[in-house]
Amino acid sequence: MYRIGIGHDTHRLAEGRPLVLGGVRVESERGAEGHSDADALAHALTDAVLGAMCEGDIGQHFPDNDPKWRGADSMQLLARVMWLASERGYRVVNADATVLLERPKLRPYVPEMRARLAEVLGVGLDCVSVKAKSGEGLDAVGEWRAVTVQAVVLLERA
């Protein structure tokens, strides 16, 4: 049996904050605000996996009002959800994500993002796609006020 999950995450950008995407620190004047490390790519994929299993969303599993998750490494949150997927008998077939960010250009970081995500998702590099798009100067992304990520994951009952 196959299950598809869709994830979405948006974070405000602020000066002096680190920008982490897919577990990779991106050199940028602005970074994402959030309770954890605000890794929007890891968050969107986490939601996609949870959605495919009908297990709610990231906020239910790792609430932002729980001090335990303050500053948490979002790749560790994704790893916990992957453990849950494994316990439920699921494995990832493939994952696809689009990062919407005005700047900096993410192309140099994408190979490392894919490698880190493939490791946590338990799949080969050829099963993880990360694409980067700008906002073309439109909306909060285009005005460099936010980063948004959309993700899709296909799970298979192992």
C-alpha atoms as a PDB file:
ATOM      1  CA  MET A   1       0.000   0.000   0.000  1.00  0.00           C
ATOM      2  CA  TYR A   2       1.213   3.490  -0.880  1.00  0.00           C
ATOM      3  CA  ARG A   3       0.448   6.697   1.021  1.00  0.00           C
ATOM      4  CA  ILE A   4       1.126  10.275  -0.142  1.00  0.00           C
ATOM      5  CA  GLY A   5       1.711  13.156   2.251  1.00  0.00           C
ATOM      6  CA  ILE A   6       1.978  16.879   1.595  1.00  0.00           C
ATOM      7  CA  GLY A   7       3.834  19.278   3.857  1.00  0.00           C
ATOM      8  CA  HIS A   8       4.071  23.047   3.944  1.00  0.00           C
ATOM      9  CA  ASP A   9       5.968  25.421   6.208  1.00  0.00           C
ATOM     10  CA  THR A  10       6.642  29.156   6.303  1.00  0.00           C
ATOM     11  CA  HIS A  11       8.904  31.106   8.644  1.00  0.00           C
ATOM     12  CA  ARG A  12       9.549  34.817   8.976  1.00  0.00           C
ATOM     13  CA  LEU A  13      13.083  35.940   8.211  1.00  0.00           C
ATOM     14  CA  ALA A  14      14.984  38.162  10.633  1.00  0.00           C
ATOM     15  CA  GLU A  15      18.444  39.721  10.724  1.00  0.00           C
ATOM     16  CA  GLY A  16      20.959  37.971  12.918  1.00  0.00           C
ATOM     17  CA  ARG A  17      19.220  34.585  12.869  1.00  0.00           C
ATOM     18  CA  PRO A  18      20.803  31.472  11.343  1.00  0.00           C
ATOM     19  CA  LEU A  19      19.262  30.077   8.168  1.00  0.00           C
ATOM     20  CA  VAL A  20      19.103  26.280   8.314  1.00  0.00           C
ATOM     21  CA  LEU A  21      17.484  24.276   5.510  1.00  0.00           C
ATOM     22  CA  GLY A  22      17.561  20.506   5.317  1.00  0.00           C
ATOM     23  CA  GLY A  23      20.029  20.432   8.187  1.00  0.00           C
ATOM     24  CA  VAL A  24      22.467  22.666   6.291  1.00  0.00           C
ATOM     25  CA  ARG A  25      23.572  26.077   7.578  1.00  0.00           C
ATOM     26  CA  VAL A  26      23.122  28.548   4.700  1.00  0.00           C
ATOM     27  CA  GLU A  27      25.230  31.714   4.640  1.00  0.00           C
ATOM     28  CA  SER A  28      22.698  34.561   4.827  1.00  0.00           C
ATOM     29  CA  GLU A  29      22.172  37.957   6.463  1.00  0.00           C
ATOM     30  CA  ARG A  30      18.699  36.809   7.505  1.00  0.00           C
ATOM     31  CA  GLY A  31      17.547  33.574   9.041  1.00  0.00           C
ATOM     32  CA  ALA A  32      14.275  31.955   9.974  1.00  0.00           C
ATOM     33  CA  GLU A  33      12.515  32.724  13.249  1.00  0.00           C
ATOM     34  CA  GLY A  34      11.020  29.853  15.186  1.00  0.00           C
ATOM     35  CA  HIS A  35      10.816  27.870  18.405  1.00  0.00           C
ATOM     36  CA  SER A  36      13.208  25.191  17.123  1.00  0.00           C
ATOM     37  CA  ASP A  37      16.055  25.845  14.687  1.00  0.00           C
ATOM     38  CA  ALA A  38      13.275  26.909  12.250  1.00  0.00           C
ATOM     39  CA  ASP A  39      14.410  24.554   9.468  1.00  0.00           C
ATOM     40  CA  ALA A  40      11.413  24.987   7.147  1.00  0.00           C
ATOM     41  CA  LEU A  41      12.585  22.223   4.805  1.00  0.00           C
ATOM     42  CA  ALA A  42      12.824  19.652   7.602  1.00  0.00           C
ATOM     43  CA  HIS A  43       9.478  20.860   8.999  1.00  0.00           C
ATOM     44  CA  ALA A  44       7.654  20.514   5.664  1.00  0.00           C
ATOM     45  CA  LEU A  45       9.044  17.010   5.138  1.00  0.00           C
ATOM     46  CA  THR A  46       8.147  16.056   8.709  1.00  0.00           C
ATOM     47  CA  ASP A  47       4.565  17.194   8.089  1.00  0.00           C
ATOM     48  CA  ALA A  48       4.474  15.298   4.785  1.00  0.00           C
ATOM     49  CA  VAL A  49       5.529  12.036   6.461  1.00  0.00           C
ATOM     50  CA  LEU A  50       3.069  12.566   9.317  1.00  0.00           C
ATOM     51  CA  GLY A  51       0.292  13.401   6.855  1.00  0.00           C
ATOM     52  CA  ALA A  52       0.923  10.285   4.785  1.00  0.00           C
ATOM     53  CA  MET A  53       0.469   8.205   7.955  1.00  0.00           C
ATOM     54  CA  CYS A  54      -2.582  10.227   9.120  1.00  0.00           C
ATOM     55  CA  GLU A  55      -0.629  11.043  12.296  1.00  0.00           C
ATOM     56  CA  GLY A  56      -1.412  14.758  12.560  1.00  0.00           C
ATOM     57  CA  ASP A  57       1.206  17.446  12.136  1.00  0.00           C
ATOM     58  CA  ILE A  58       4.514  18.612  13.535  1.00  0.00           C
ATOM     59  CA  GLY A  59       2.822  20.914  16.065  1.00  0.00           C
ATOM     60  CA  GLN A  60       0.965  17.999  17.643  1.00  0.00           C
ATOM     61  CA  HIS A  61       4.128  15.939  18.063  1.00  0.00           C
ATOM     62  CA  PHE A  62       6.540  18.772  18.922  1.00  0.00           C
ATOM     63  CA  PRO A  63       4.455  21.694  20.290  1.00  0.00           C
ATOM     64  CA  ASP A  64       6.045  25.136  20.163  1.00  0.00           C
ATOM     65  CA  ASN A  65       4.793  25.883  23.677  1.00  0.00           C
ATOM     66  CA  ASP A  66       6.850  23.004  25.117  1.00  0.00           C
ATOM     67  CA  PRO A  67      10.272  24.252  26.318  1.00  0.00           C
ATOM     68  CA  LYS A  68      11.680  20.791  25.561  1.00  0.00           C
ATOM     69  CA  TRP A  69      11.667  21.639  21.836  1.00  0.00           C
ATOM     70  CA  ARG A  70      13.176  25.161  22.119  1.00  0.00           C
ATOM     71  CA  GLY A  71      16.150  25.352  19.774  1.00  0.00           C
ATOM     72  CA  ALA A  72      15.643  21.721  18.713  1.00  0.00           C
ATOM     73  CA  ASP A  73      17.504  20.361  15.705  1.00  0.00           C
ATOM     74  CA  SER A  74      14.680  19.853  13.203  1.00  0.00           C
ATOM     75  CA  MET A  75      16.540  17.010  11.515  1.00  0.00           C
ATOM     76  CA  GLN A  76      16.279  15.161  14.836  1.00  0.00           C
ATOM     77  CA  LEU A  77      12.525  15.810  14.817  1.00  0.00           C
ATOM     78  CA  LEU A  78      12.345  14.360  11.308  1.00  0.00           C
ATOM     79  CA  ALA A  79      14.391  11.363  12.502  1.00  0.00           C
ATOM     80  CA  ARG A  80      11.897  10.772  15.336  1.00  0.00           C
ATOM     81  CA  VAL A  81       9.024  10.824  12.851  1.00  0.00           C
ATOM     82  CA  MET A  82      10.917   8.412  10.600  1.00  0.00           C
ATOM     83  CA  TRP A  83      11.262   6.083  13.592  1.00  0.00           C
ATOM     84  CA  LEU A  84       7.474   6.315  14.037  1.00  0.00           C
ATOM     85  CA  ALA A  85       6.988   5.544  10.330  1.00  0.00           C
ATOM     86  CA  SER A  86       9.214   2.500  10.663  1.00  0.00           C
ATOM     87  CA  GLU A  87       7.273   1.350  13.727  1.00  0.00           C
ATOM     88  CA  ARG A  88       4.055   1.677  11.687  1.00  0.00           C
ATOM     89  CA  GLY A  89       5.607  -0.413   8.903  1.00  0.00           C
ATOM     90  CA  TYR A  90       6.284   2.388   6.405  1.00  0.00           C
ATOM     91  CA  ARG A  91       9.342   3.347   4.416  1.00  0.00           C
ATOM     92  CA  VAL A  92       9.926   6.372   2.199  1.00  0.00           C
ATOM     93  CA  VAL A  93       9.853   5.711  -1.551  1.00  0.00           C
ATOM     94  CA  ASN A  94      10.768   9.257  -2.514  1.00  0.00           C
ATOM     95  CA  ALA A  95      10.527  12.854  -1.335  1.00  0.00           C
ATOM     96  CA  ASP A  96      10.275  16.066  -3.341  1.00  0.00           C
ATOM     97  CA  ALA A  97      10.508  19.590  -1.935  1.00  0.00           C
ATOM     98  CA  THR A  98      10.501  23.130  -3.271  1.00  0.00           C
ATOM     99  CA  VAL A  99      12.115  25.894  -1.212  1.00  0.00           C
ATOM    100  CA  LEU A 100      10.846  29.401  -1.961  1.00  0.00           C
ATOM    101  CA  LEU A 101      13.396  31.995  -0.860  1.00  0.00           C
ATOM    102  CA  GLU A 102      14.351  35.278  -2.494  1.00  0.00           C
ATOM    103  CA  ARG A 103      18.016  35.081  -1.513  1.00  0.00           C
ATOM    104  CA  PRO A 104      20.622  33.790  -1.152  1.00  0.00           C
ATOM    105  CA  LYS A 105      20.761  31.413  -4.093  1.00  0.00           C
ATOM    106  CA  LEU A 106      20.497  27.886  -2.730  1.00  0.00           C
ATOM    107  CA  ARG A 107      21.911  25.892  -5.654  1.00  0.00           C
ATOM    108  CA  PRO A 108      25.363  25.505  -3.999  1.00  0.00           C
ATOM    109  CA  TYR A 109      23.722  24.051  -0.869  1.00  0.00           C
ATOM    110  CA  VAL A 110      21.252  21.661  -2.516  1.00  0.00           C
ATOM    111  CA  PRO A 111      23.605  18.650  -2.865  1.00  0.00           C
ATOM    112  CA  GLU A 112      24.385  18.700   0.869  1.00  0.00           C
ATOM    113  CA  MET A 113      20.688  19.188   1.724  1.00  0.00           C
ATOM    114  CA  ARG A 114      19.767  16.176  -0.393  1.00  0.00           C
ATOM    115  CA  ALA A 115      22.482  14.059   1.207  1.00  0.00           C
ATOM    116  CA  ARG A 116      21.458  14.988   4.761  1.00  0.00           C
ATOM    117  CA  LEU A 117      17.778  14.383   4.020  1.00  0.00           C
ATOM    118  CA  ALA A 118      18.419  11.073   2.253  1.00  0.00           C
ATOM    119  CA  GLU A 119      20.319   9.856   5.303  1.00  0.00           C
ATOM    120  CA  VAL A 120      17.519  10.764   7.727  1.00  0.00           C
ATOM    121  CA  LEU A 121      14.760   9.495   5.415  1.00  0.00           C
ATOM    122  CA  GLY A 122      16.632   6.223   4.922  1.00  0.00           C
ATOM    123  CA  VAL A 123      16.707   6.373   1.126  1.00  0.00           C
ATOM    124  CA  GLY A 124      19.243   6.798  -1.647  1.00  0.00           C
ATOM    125  CA  LEU A 125      20.226  10.198  -2.956  1.00  0.00           C
ATOM    126  CA  ASP A 126      18.257   9.477  -6.129  1.00  0.00           C
ATOM    127  CA  CYS A 127      15.055   9.396  -4.057  1.00  0.00           C
ATOM    128  CA  VAL A 128      15.283  12.954  -2.660  1.00  0.00           C
ATOM    129  CA  SER A 129      14.678  16.076  -4.724  1.00  0.00           C
ATOM    130  CA  VAL A 130      15.175  19.639  -3.458  1.00  0.00           C
ATOM    131  CA  LYS A 131      14.425  22.538  -5.766  1.00  0.00           C
ATOM    132  CA  ALA A 132      14.937  26.237  -5.061  1.00  0.00           C
ATOM    133  CA  LYS A 133      12.785  29.049  -6.425  1.00  0.00           C
ATOM    134  CA  SER A 134      12.730  32.791  -5.828  1.00  0.00           C
ATOM    135  CA  GLY A 135       9.652  34.882  -5.207  1.00  0.00           C
ATOM    136  CA  GLU A 136      10.321  37.160  -8.181  1.00  0.00           C
ATOM    137  CA  GLY A 137       9.930  40.154  -5.876  1.00  0.00           C
ATOM    138  CA  LEU A 138       6.318  39.223  -5.048  1.00  0.00           C
ATOM    139  CA  ASP A 139       4.648  38.476  -1.682  1.00  0.00           C
ATOM    140  CA  ALA A 140       6.509  37.875   1.598  1.00  0.00           C
ATOM    141  CA  VAL A 141       8.967  35.467  -0.040  1.00  0.00           C
ATOM    142  CA  GLY A 142       9.779  37.860  -2.872  1.00  0.00           C
ATOM    143  CA  GLU A 143      10.208  40.742  -0.433  1.00  0.00           C
ATOM    144  CA  TRP A 144      12.732  38.590   1.517  1.00  0.00           C
ATOM    145  CA  ARG A 145      10.512  38.538   4.603  1.00  0.00           C
ATOM    146  CA  ALA A 146       9.818  34.785   4.621  1.00  0.00           C
ATOM    147  CA  VAL A 147      10.958  31.350   3.540  1.00  0.00           C
ATOM    148  CA  THR A 148       8.335  28.831   2.434  1.00  0.00           C
ATOM    149  CA  VAL A 149       8.717  25.141   1.656  1.00  0.00           C
ATOM    150  CA  GLN A 150       6.320  22.725  -0.015  1.00  0.00           C
ATOM    151  CA  ALA A 151       7.036  18.989   0.198  1.00  0.00           C
ATOM    152  CA  VAL A 152       5.544  15.715  -0.998  1.00  0.00           C
ATOM    153  CA  VAL A 153       6.477  12.272   0.303  1.00  0.00           C
ATOM    154  CA  LEU A 154       5.480   8.845  -0.983  1.00  0.00           C
ATOM    155  CA  LEU A 155       5.452   6.101   1.650  1.00  0.00           C
ATOM    156  CA  GLU A 156       5.127   2.377   1.076  1.00  0.00           C
ATOM    157  CA  ARG A 157       4.035  -0.189   3.629  1.00  0.00           C
ATOM    158  CA  ALA A 158       7.204  -2.238   4.094  1.00  0.00           C
END
